[in-house]
């Protein structure tokens, strides 16, 4: 009986992780680079707390700055930087319901190259108490496929869940 309970919890955890947070690749398959309409890209999705933005770009040629509204409007992060990223594969976890502003701080990339966007992140829709059958409505636009690094992370999650299930079944 304990094995069935553990299996049920493992399957529930896998289900919740599958329908929960979404990783969005900024700029689709183009990634974070000049001449992409990021403002249009950002309006296609409903971002919620727990989601993540994946910035793929050539390290040393671009960067990502989370900035204040004034720095966003001026494309100048001198006095309004909240966070900065420069690894070439940056993951920005959206942990707070608020408006976020992002720019590339390389010369003219924001002003001329269009490397800027803003998003509004909201709280996830709550399920009615005790109701595990109804889910929040899906996004109207599915997210682009995750990068290879993210796919590998998801595969390891499912492998770990499968190992727990197999262990429970074989020892009980």
N, C-alpha and C. Protein backbone atom coordinates (compact mmCIF):
# COMPACT_ATOMS: atom_id res chain seq x y z
N UNK A 1 0.82 -1.19 0.00
CA UNK A 1 0.00 0.00 0.00
C UNK A 1 0.86 1.26 0.00
N UNK A 2 1.97 1.27 0.74
CA UNK A 2 2.86 2.43 0.78
C UNK A 2 3.46 2.70 -0.59
N UNK A 3 3.75 1.63 -1.35
CA UNK A 3 4.31 1.81 -2.69
C UNK A 3 3.32 2.53 -3.59
N UNK A 4 2.05 2.19 -3.46
CA UNK A 4 1.04 2.86 -4.28
C UNK A 4 0.94 4.34 -3.92
N UNK A 5 1.07 4.65 -2.65
CA UNK A 5 1.02 6.06 -2.23
C UNK A 5 2.20 6.83 -2.79
N UNK A 6 3.39 6.23 -2.70
CA UNK A 6 4.58 6.90 -3.22
C UNK A 6 4.47 7.07 -4.73
N UNK A 7 4.00 6.06 -5.43
CA UNK A 7 3.82 6.15 -6.88
C UNK A 7 2.82 7.24 -7.22
N UNK A 8 1.75 7.32 -6.47
CA UNK A 8 0.74 8.36 -6.71
C UNK A 8 1.34 9.75 -6.54
N UNK A 9 2.13 9.93 -5.47
CA UNK A 9 2.76 11.24 -5.26
C UNK A 9 3.77 11.55 -6.36
N UNK A 10 4.52 10.55 -6.79
CA UNK A 10 5.51 10.77 -7.85
C UNK A 10 4.82 11.16 -9.15
N UNK A 11 3.73 10.48 -9.48
CA UNK A 11 3.00 10.82 -10.70
C UNK A 11 2.35 12.20 -10.59
N UNK A 12 1.84 12.54 -9.43
CA UNK A 12 1.26 13.86 -9.22
C UNK A 12 2.33 14.94 -9.38
N UNK A 13 3.51 14.71 -8.82
CA UNK A 13 4.60 15.68 -8.96
C UNK A 13 5.01 15.85 -10.41
N UNK A 14 5.06 14.76 -11.16
CA UNK A 14 5.41 14.83 -12.58
C UNK A 14 4.34 15.61 -13.34
N UNK A 15 3.07 15.38 -13.01
CA UNK A 15 1.98 16.07 -13.68
C UNK A 15 2.02 17.57 -13.37
N UNK A 16 2.21 17.91 -12.11
CA UNK A 16 2.25 19.32 -11.73
C UNK A 16 3.42 20.02 -12.40
N UNK A 17 4.59 19.37 -12.47
CA UNK A 17 5.74 20.01 -13.11
C UNK A 17 5.52 20.17 -14.60
N UNK A 18 4.75 19.26 -15.20
CA UNK A 18 4.50 19.34 -16.64
C UNK A 18 3.54 20.48 -16.98
N UNK A 19 2.57 20.78 -16.11
CA UNK A 19 1.59 21.82 -16.41
C UNK A 19 1.90 23.13 -15.70
N UNK A 20 2.97 23.18 -14.94
CA UNK A 20 3.28 24.37 -14.17
C UNK A 20 4.02 25.42 -14.97
N UNK A 21 5.16 25.82 -14.47
CA UNK A 21 5.93 26.91 -15.05
C UNK A 21 6.39 26.60 -16.46
N UNK A 22 6.58 27.66 -17.23
CA UNK A 22 6.99 27.54 -18.63
C UNK A 22 8.30 28.29 -18.81
N UNK A 23 9.21 27.70 -19.59
CA UNK A 23 10.45 28.36 -19.97
C UNK A 23 10.26 28.93 -21.37
N UNK A 24 10.47 30.23 -21.51
CA UNK A 24 10.31 30.91 -22.79
C UNK A 24 11.66 31.28 -23.36
N UNK A 25 11.96 30.85 -24.58
CA UNK A 25 13.19 31.25 -25.26
C UNK A 25 12.96 32.62 -25.89
N UNK A 26 13.66 33.61 -25.40
CA UNK A 26 13.49 34.99 -25.88
C UNK A 26 13.93 35.07 -27.34
N UNK A 27 13.02 35.57 -28.19
CA UNK A 27 13.35 35.75 -29.60
C UNK A 27 13.21 34.50 -30.45
N UNK A 28 12.46 33.53 -29.95
CA UNK A 28 12.26 32.27 -30.69
C UNK A 28 13.62 31.63 -30.99
N UNK A 29 13.75 31.07 -32.21
CA UNK A 29 14.99 30.39 -32.58
C UNK A 29 16.11 31.38 -32.89
N UNK A 30 15.78 32.67 -33.09
CA UNK A 30 16.81 33.68 -33.33
C UNK A 30 17.63 33.96 -32.07
N UNK A 31 17.02 33.76 -30.92
CA UNK A 31 17.68 34.09 -29.67
C UNK A 31 17.71 35.58 -29.44
N UNK A 32 18.64 36.01 -28.61
CA UNK A 32 18.78 37.42 -28.22
C UNK A 32 19.84 38.04 -29.12
N UNK A 33 19.39 38.75 -30.14
CA UNK A 33 20.27 39.35 -31.14
C UNK A 33 19.60 40.58 -31.73
N UNK A 34 20.32 41.33 -32.55
CA UNK A 34 19.76 42.54 -33.15
C UNK A 34 18.73 42.20 -34.21
N UNK A 35 17.87 43.17 -34.48
CA UNK A 35 16.88 43.11 -35.57
C UNK A 35 15.77 42.09 -35.38
N UNK A 36 15.42 41.79 -34.15
CA UNK A 36 14.26 40.96 -33.84
C UNK A 36 13.27 41.87 -33.12
N UNK A 37 12.00 41.73 -33.41
CA UNK A 37 10.99 42.56 -32.76
C UNK A 37 10.61 41.93 -31.42
N UNK A 38 11.37 42.25 -30.40
CA UNK A 38 11.15 41.66 -29.08
C UNK A 38 9.89 42.19 -28.41
N UNK A 39 9.49 43.41 -28.73
CA UNK A 39 8.26 43.94 -28.17
C UNK A 39 7.07 43.12 -28.68
N UNK A 40 7.08 42.76 -29.96
CA UNK A 40 6.01 41.91 -30.50
C UNK A 40 6.09 40.51 -29.89
N UNK A 41 7.30 39.98 -29.76
CA UNK A 41 7.47 38.64 -29.17
C UNK A 41 6.88 38.62 -27.76
N UNK A 42 7.18 39.64 -26.97
CA UNK A 42 6.77 39.63 -25.56
C UNK A 42 5.27 39.73 -25.37
N UNK A 43 4.54 40.26 -26.36
CA UNK A 43 3.09 40.39 -26.22
C UNK A 43 2.34 39.10 -26.57
N UNK A 44 3.03 38.10 -27.07
CA UNK A 44 2.39 36.86 -27.47
C UNK A 44 2.09 35.91 -26.31
N UNK A 45 2.63 36.18 -25.14
CA UNK A 45 2.53 35.23 -24.04
C UNK A 45 1.94 35.88 -22.79
N UNK A 46 1.40 35.03 -21.94
CA UNK A 46 0.92 35.43 -20.62
C UNK A 46 1.91 34.89 -19.60
N UNK A 47 2.80 35.73 -19.13
CA UNK A 47 3.85 35.31 -18.20
C UNK A 47 3.30 35.28 -16.78
N UNK A 48 3.66 34.23 -16.04
CA UNK A 48 3.23 34.11 -14.65
C UNK A 48 4.43 33.82 -13.76
N UNK A 49 4.27 34.11 -12.48
CA UNK A 49 5.31 33.82 -11.50
C UNK A 49 5.66 32.34 -11.60
N UNK A 50 6.95 32.05 -11.62
CA UNK A 50 7.43 30.68 -11.76
C UNK A 50 7.95 30.39 -13.16
N UNK A 51 7.53 31.18 -14.15
CA UNK A 51 8.06 31.02 -15.51
C UNK A 51 9.51 31.49 -15.53
N UNK A 52 10.19 31.21 -16.65
CA UNK A 52 11.57 31.66 -16.82
C UNK A 52 11.79 32.12 -18.25
N UNK A 53 12.67 33.09 -18.39
CA UNK A 53 13.09 33.56 -19.71
C UNK A 53 14.47 33.00 -19.99
N UNK A 54 14.65 32.43 -21.19
CA UNK A 54 15.93 31.88 -21.60
C UNK A 54 16.52 32.80 -22.66
N UNK A 55 17.66 33.39 -22.36
CA UNK A 55 18.34 34.28 -23.30
C UNK A 55 19.53 33.53 -23.90
N UNK A 56 19.49 33.27 -25.20
CA UNK A 56 20.58 32.61 -25.92
C UNK A 56 21.25 33.64 -26.82
N UNK A 57 22.56 33.84 -26.67
CA UNK A 57 23.28 34.81 -27.49
C UNK A 57 24.76 34.50 -27.44
N UNK A 58 25.51 35.16 -28.32
CA UNK A 58 26.96 34.98 -28.35
C UNK A 58 27.57 35.82 -27.23
N UNK A 59 28.22 35.12 -26.31
CA UNK A 59 28.86 35.80 -25.18
C UNK A 59 29.90 36.78 -25.71
N UNK A 60 29.91 37.99 -25.16
CA UNK A 60 30.85 39.01 -25.58
C UNK A 60 30.30 39.91 -26.69
N UNK A 61 29.20 39.48 -27.32
CA UNK A 61 28.58 40.31 -28.35
C UNK A 61 27.28 40.94 -27.88
N UNK A 62 26.68 40.38 -26.83
CA UNK A 62 25.44 40.90 -26.27
C UNK A 62 25.47 40.67 -24.76
N UNK A 63 24.50 41.22 -24.09
CA UNK A 63 24.29 40.97 -22.67
C UNK A 63 22.81 41.21 -22.39
N UNK A 64 22.40 40.96 -21.17
CA UNK A 64 21.01 41.18 -20.77
C UNK A 64 21.04 42.01 -19.49
N UNK A 65 20.31 43.10 -19.51
CA UNK A 65 20.17 43.94 -18.32
C UNK A 65 18.70 44.06 -17.98
N UNK A 66 18.37 43.74 -16.73
CA UNK A 66 17.05 44.08 -16.21
C UNK A 66 17.19 45.47 -15.63
N UNK A 67 16.34 46.39 -16.10
CA UNK A 67 16.52 47.80 -15.77
C UNK A 67 15.22 48.43 -15.26
N UNK A 68 15.35 49.67 -14.81
CA UNK A 68 14.19 50.46 -14.38
C UNK A 68 13.46 50.99 -15.62
N UNK A 69 12.23 51.45 -15.45
CA UNK A 69 11.50 52.01 -16.61
C UNK A 69 12.23 53.17 -17.28
N UNK A 70 12.87 54.04 -16.50
CA UNK A 70 13.60 55.17 -17.10
C UNK A 70 14.78 54.69 -17.93
N UNK A 71 15.52 53.72 -17.42
CA UNK A 71 16.65 53.17 -18.18
C UNK A 71 16.17 52.45 -19.43
N UNK A 72 15.02 51.81 -19.33
CA UNK A 72 14.44 51.14 -20.49
C UNK A 72 14.12 52.16 -21.59
N UNK A 73 13.45 53.24 -21.21
CA UNK A 73 13.07 54.26 -22.20
C UNK A 73 14.28 54.92 -22.84
N UNK A 74 15.32 55.16 -22.06
CA UNK A 74 16.50 55.85 -22.58
C UNK A 74 17.53 54.88 -23.18
N UNK A 75 17.35 53.57 -22.96
CA UNK A 75 18.34 52.57 -23.39
C UNK A 75 19.71 52.84 -22.76
N UNK A 76 19.71 53.32 -21.54
CA UNK A 76 20.95 53.63 -20.83
C UNK A 76 20.86 53.02 -19.43
N UNK A 77 21.68 52.01 -19.19
CA UNK A 77 21.63 51.30 -17.92
C UNK A 77 22.59 51.85 -16.88
N UNK A 78 23.17 53.02 -17.14
CA UNK A 78 24.17 53.58 -16.23
C UNK A 78 23.67 53.68 -14.79
N UNK A 79 22.46 54.19 -14.60
CA UNK A 79 21.96 54.39 -13.23
C UNK A 79 20.73 53.58 -12.90
N UNK A 80 20.31 52.69 -13.78
CA UNK A 80 19.06 51.98 -13.53
C UNK A 80 19.13 50.49 -13.69
N UNK A 81 20.28 49.90 -13.44
CA UNK A 81 20.42 48.45 -13.58
C UNK A 81 19.94 47.74 -12.32
N UNK A 82 19.01 46.81 -12.50
CA UNK A 82 18.55 45.98 -11.39
C UNK A 82 19.34 44.68 -11.33
N UNK A 83 19.59 44.07 -12.49
CA UNK A 83 20.40 42.84 -12.60
C UNK A 83 21.05 42.84 -13.97
N UNK A 84 22.20 42.18 -14.06
CA UNK A 84 22.84 42.04 -15.37
C UNK A 84 23.31 40.60 -15.55
N UNK A 85 23.30 40.18 -16.81
CA UNK A 85 23.67 38.81 -17.18
C UNK A 85 24.58 38.90 -18.40
N UNK A 86 25.57 38.00 -18.48
CA UNK A 86 26.47 38.04 -19.62
C UNK A 86 27.08 36.68 -19.98
N UNK A 87 26.42 35.60 -19.64
CA UNK A 87 26.99 34.27 -19.86
C UNK A 87 26.80 33.75 -21.29
N UNK A 88 25.83 34.30 -22.01
CA UNK A 88 25.50 33.77 -23.34
C UNK A 88 24.34 32.80 -23.31
N UNK A 89 24.08 32.24 -22.15
CA UNK A 89 22.91 31.37 -21.93
C UNK A 89 22.38 31.70 -20.54
N UNK A 90 21.57 32.74 -20.49
CA UNK A 90 21.09 33.23 -19.20
C UNK A 90 19.65 32.81 -18.97
N UNK A 91 19.37 32.42 -17.75
CA UNK A 91 18.01 32.06 -17.34
C UNK A 91 17.57 33.08 -16.31
N UNK A 92 16.49 33.78 -16.62
CA UNK A 92 15.93 34.77 -15.70
C UNK A 92 14.63 34.20 -15.15
N UNK A 93 14.65 33.84 -13.88
CA UNK A 93 13.45 33.31 -13.24
C UNK A 93 12.53 34.46 -12.86
N UNK A 94 11.28 34.34 -13.24
CA UNK A 94 10.29 35.37 -12.95
C UNK A 94 9.64 35.02 -11.62
N UNK A 95 10.18 35.57 -10.55
CA UNK A 95 9.79 35.18 -9.19
C UNK A 95 8.77 36.10 -8.55
N UNK A 96 8.51 37.25 -9.17
CA UNK A 96 7.62 38.24 -8.58
C UNK A 96 6.63 38.73 -9.62
N UNK A 97 5.39 38.91 -9.20
CA UNK A 97 4.38 39.49 -10.08
C UNK A 97 4.65 40.99 -10.17
N UNK A 98 5.12 41.43 -11.33
CA UNK A 98 5.45 42.84 -11.55
C UNK A 98 5.75 43.03 -13.03
N UNK A 99 6.09 44.25 -13.41
CA UNK A 99 6.54 44.53 -14.77
C UNK A 99 8.07 44.46 -14.78
N UNK A 100 8.60 43.78 -15.80
CA UNK A 100 10.04 43.64 -15.98
C UNK A 100 10.43 44.38 -17.26
N UNK A 101 11.63 45.01 -17.25
CA UNK A 101 12.16 45.70 -18.43
C UNK A 101 13.55 45.16 -18.71
N UNK A 102 13.80 44.75 -19.96
CA UNK A 102 15.09 44.17 -20.35
C UNK A 102 15.67 44.91 -21.56
N UNK A 103 16.99 45.09 -21.54
CA UNK A 103 17.69 45.68 -22.68
C UNK A 103 19.02 44.97 -22.87
N UNK A 104 19.61 45.14 -24.06
CA UNK A 104 21.01 44.79 -24.27
C UNK A 104 21.77 46.09 -24.08
N UNK A 105 22.83 46.07 -23.28
CA UNK A 105 23.55 47.29 -22.94
C UNK A 105 24.77 47.52 -23.84
N UNK A 106 24.95 46.71 -24.89
CA UNK A 106 26.01 46.99 -25.84
C UNK A 106 25.62 48.20 -26.69
N UNK A 107 26.60 48.96 -27.13
CA UNK A 107 26.38 50.22 -27.86
C UNK A 107 25.40 50.03 -29.01
N UNK A 108 24.35 50.82 -29.02
CA UNK A 108 23.33 50.89 -30.08
C UNK A 108 22.48 49.64 -30.24
N UNK A 109 22.71 48.58 -29.48
CA UNK A 109 21.90 47.37 -29.63
C UNK A 109 20.46 47.62 -29.17
N UNK A 110 20.30 48.41 -28.15
CA UNK A 110 18.96 48.72 -27.66
C UNK A 110 18.28 49.76 -28.55
N UNK A 111 18.97 50.85 -28.82
CA UNK A 111 18.35 51.95 -29.57
C UNK A 111 18.16 51.63 -31.05
N UNK A 112 19.19 51.12 -31.71
CA UNK A 112 19.14 50.86 -33.15
C UNK A 112 18.76 49.41 -33.44
N UNK A 113 19.29 48.49 -32.65
CA UNK A 113 19.09 47.06 -32.91
C UNK A 113 17.79 46.50 -32.38
N UNK A 114 17.06 47.27 -31.57
CA UNK A 114 15.77 46.81 -31.06
C UNK A 114 15.84 45.79 -29.95
N UNK A 115 16.99 45.67 -29.30
CA UNK A 115 17.14 44.65 -28.26
C UNK A 115 16.62 45.18 -26.92
N UNK A 116 15.30 45.24 -26.83
CA UNK A 116 14.64 45.68 -25.60
C UNK A 116 13.21 45.16 -25.62
N UNK A 117 12.69 44.85 -24.44
CA UNK A 117 11.28 44.49 -24.31
C UNK A 117 10.88 44.58 -22.86
N UNK A 118 9.60 44.62 -22.66
CA UNK A 118 9.03 44.65 -21.32
C UNK A 118 7.95 43.58 -21.24
N UNK A 119 7.81 43.00 -20.07
CA UNK A 119 6.75 42.01 -19.85
C UNK A 119 6.05 42.31 -18.53
N UNK A 120 4.81 41.89 -18.44
CA UNK A 120 4.06 41.99 -17.20
C UNK A 120 3.84 40.57 -16.69
N UNK A 121 4.32 40.28 -15.51
CA UNK A 121 4.22 38.95 -14.91
C UNK A 121 3.14 38.97 -13.85
N UNK A 122 2.20 38.03 -13.95
CA UNK A 122 1.09 37.97 -12.99
C UNK A 122 1.19 36.71 -12.14
N UNK A 123 0.42 36.70 -11.07
CA UNK A 123 0.35 35.50 -10.22
C UNK A 123 -0.33 34.39 -11.02
N UNK A 124 0.06 33.14 -10.82
CA UNK A 124 -0.63 32.04 -11.52
C UNK A 124 -2.07 31.93 -11.04
N UNK A 125 -2.92 31.48 -11.92
CA UNK A 125 -4.32 31.27 -11.55
C UNK A 125 -4.40 30.19 -10.49
N UNK A 126 -5.19 30.42 -9.46
CA UNK A 126 -5.31 29.46 -8.37
C UNK A 126 -6.40 28.44 -8.68
N UNK A 127 -6.17 27.21 -8.25
CA UNK A 127 -7.19 26.17 -8.36
C UNK A 127 -8.17 26.34 -7.20
N UNK A 128 -9.43 26.01 -7.42
CA UNK A 128 -10.36 26.03 -6.30
C UNK A 128 -9.87 25.08 -5.21
N UNK A 129 -10.13 25.37 -3.94
CA UNK A 129 -9.64 24.51 -2.85
C UNK A 129 -10.07 23.06 -3.05
N UNK A 130 -9.08 22.16 -2.99
CA UNK A 130 -9.35 20.73 -3.10
C UNK A 130 -9.64 20.26 -4.51
N UNK A 131 -9.60 21.12 -5.51
CA UNK A 131 -9.93 20.73 -6.88
C UNK A 131 -8.66 20.55 -7.68
N UNK A 132 -8.25 19.30 -7.89
CA UNK A 132 -7.06 19.00 -8.67
C UNK A 132 -7.40 18.69 -10.12
N UNK A 133 -8.69 18.74 -10.48
CA UNK A 133 -9.07 18.37 -11.84
C UNK A 133 -9.11 19.55 -12.79
N UNK A 134 -9.43 20.75 -12.27
CA UNK A 134 -9.49 21.91 -13.16
C UNK A 134 -8.16 22.64 -13.12
N UNK A 135 -7.68 23.04 -14.28
CA UNK A 135 -6.41 23.72 -14.40
C UNK A 135 -6.64 25.11 -14.95
N UNK A 136 -5.68 26.03 -14.76
CA UNK A 136 -5.83 27.35 -15.36
C UNK A 136 -5.87 27.23 -16.87
N UNK A 137 -6.51 28.19 -17.55
CA UNK A 137 -6.58 28.09 -19.01
C UNK A 137 -5.19 28.14 -19.62
N UNK A 138 -4.97 27.41 -20.72
CA UNK A 138 -3.64 27.39 -21.33
C UNK A 138 -3.34 28.72 -22.02
N UNK A 139 -2.05 28.98 -22.23
CA UNK A 139 -1.66 30.15 -23.00
C UNK A 139 -2.20 29.98 -24.41
N UNK A 140 -2.63 31.08 -25.04
CA UNK A 140 -3.14 31.01 -26.39
C UNK A 140 -2.05 30.66 -27.39
N UNK A 141 -0.81 31.00 -27.06
CA UNK A 141 0.32 30.70 -27.93
C UNK A 141 1.26 29.77 -27.19
N UNK A 142 1.54 28.60 -27.74
CA UNK A 142 2.46 27.70 -27.04
C UNK A 142 3.86 28.29 -27.05
N UNK A 143 4.66 27.95 -26.04
CA UNK A 143 6.02 28.47 -26.00
C UNK A 143 6.85 27.80 -27.08
N UNK A 144 7.92 28.44 -27.51
CA UNK A 144 8.82 27.80 -28.46
C UNK A 144 9.49 26.62 -27.78
N UNK A 145 10.03 25.69 -28.58
CA UNK A 145 10.68 24.54 -27.95
C UNK A 145 11.85 24.98 -27.09
N UNK A 146 12.05 24.33 -25.94
CA UNK A 146 13.15 24.72 -25.07
C UNK A 146 14.49 24.38 -25.71
N UNK A 147 15.53 25.02 -25.21
CA UNK A 147 16.87 24.75 -25.72
C UNK A 147 17.28 23.35 -25.31
N UNK A 148 18.36 22.87 -25.93
CA UNK A 148 18.85 21.53 -25.62
C UNK A 148 19.19 21.38 -24.15
N UNK A 149 19.75 22.44 -23.55
CA UNK A 149 20.11 22.38 -22.13
C UNK A 149 18.87 22.18 -21.27
N UNK A 150 17.79 22.84 -21.61
CA UNK A 150 16.56 22.69 -20.84
C UNK A 150 15.97 21.31 -21.06
N UNK A 151 15.97 20.83 -22.31
CA UNK A 151 15.45 19.49 -22.58
C UNK A 151 16.20 18.45 -21.76
N UNK A 152 17.52 18.59 -21.65
CA UNK A 152 18.29 17.64 -20.86
C UNK A 152 17.87 17.70 -19.41
N UNK A 153 17.62 18.90 -18.87
CA UNK A 153 17.18 19.04 -17.49
C UNK A 153 15.84 18.37 -17.26
N UNK A 154 14.92 18.51 -18.20
CA UNK A 154 13.61 17.89 -18.07
C UNK A 154 13.75 16.37 -18.13
N UNK A 155 14.59 15.88 -19.02
CA UNK A 155 14.78 14.44 -19.12
C UNK A 155 15.31 13.86 -17.81
N UNK A 156 16.22 14.56 -17.15
CA UNK A 156 16.73 14.07 -15.88
C UNK A 156 15.64 14.07 -14.82
N UNK A 157 14.74 15.03 -14.86
CA UNK A 157 13.64 15.05 -13.90
C UNK A 157 12.76 13.83 -14.07
N UNK A 158 12.44 13.53 -15.31
CA UNK A 158 11.61 12.36 -15.55
C UNK A 158 12.35 11.07 -15.21
N UNK A 159 13.64 11.03 -15.46
CA UNK A 159 14.43 9.84 -15.10
C UNK A 159 14.42 9.64 -13.59
N UNK A 160 14.56 10.73 -12.84
CA UNK A 160 14.55 10.61 -11.38
C UNK A 160 13.20 10.10 -10.89
N UNK A 161 12.12 10.60 -11.46
CA UNK A 161 10.78 10.14 -11.07
C UNK A 161 10.60 8.68 -11.43
N UNK A 162 11.06 8.29 -12.61
CA UNK A 162 10.96 6.89 -13.03
C UNK A 162 11.75 5.99 -12.10
N UNK A 163 12.95 6.43 -11.69
CA UNK A 163 13.75 5.62 -10.77
C UNK A 163 13.04 5.43 -9.43
N UNK A 164 12.40 6.47 -8.92
CA UNK A 164 11.66 6.36 -7.66
C UNK A 164 10.52 5.35 -7.82
N UNK A 165 9.82 5.44 -8.93
CA UNK A 165 8.71 4.51 -9.16
C UNK A 165 9.23 3.08 -9.25
N UNK A 166 10.30 2.87 -10.01
CA UNK A 166 10.85 1.52 -10.15
C UNK A 166 11.35 0.99 -8.81
N UNK A 167 11.99 1.83 -8.01
CA UNK A 167 12.47 1.40 -6.70
C UNK A 167 11.29 0.99 -5.83
N UNK A 168 10.22 1.77 -5.84
CA UNK A 168 9.06 1.47 -5.01
C UNK A 168 8.41 0.16 -5.43
N UNK A 169 8.31 -0.06 -6.70
CA UNK A 169 7.65 -1.27 -7.19
C UNK A 169 8.50 -2.50 -6.91
N UNK A 170 9.83 -2.38 -7.06
CA UNK A 170 10.68 -3.56 -6.91
C UNK A 170 10.93 -3.94 -5.46
N UNK A 171 10.87 -3.01 -4.52
CA UNK A 171 11.18 -3.32 -3.13
C UNK A 171 9.93 -3.47 -2.26
N UNK A 172 8.77 -3.25 -2.79
CA UNK A 172 7.58 -3.35 -1.94
C UNK A 172 6.57 -4.25 -2.56
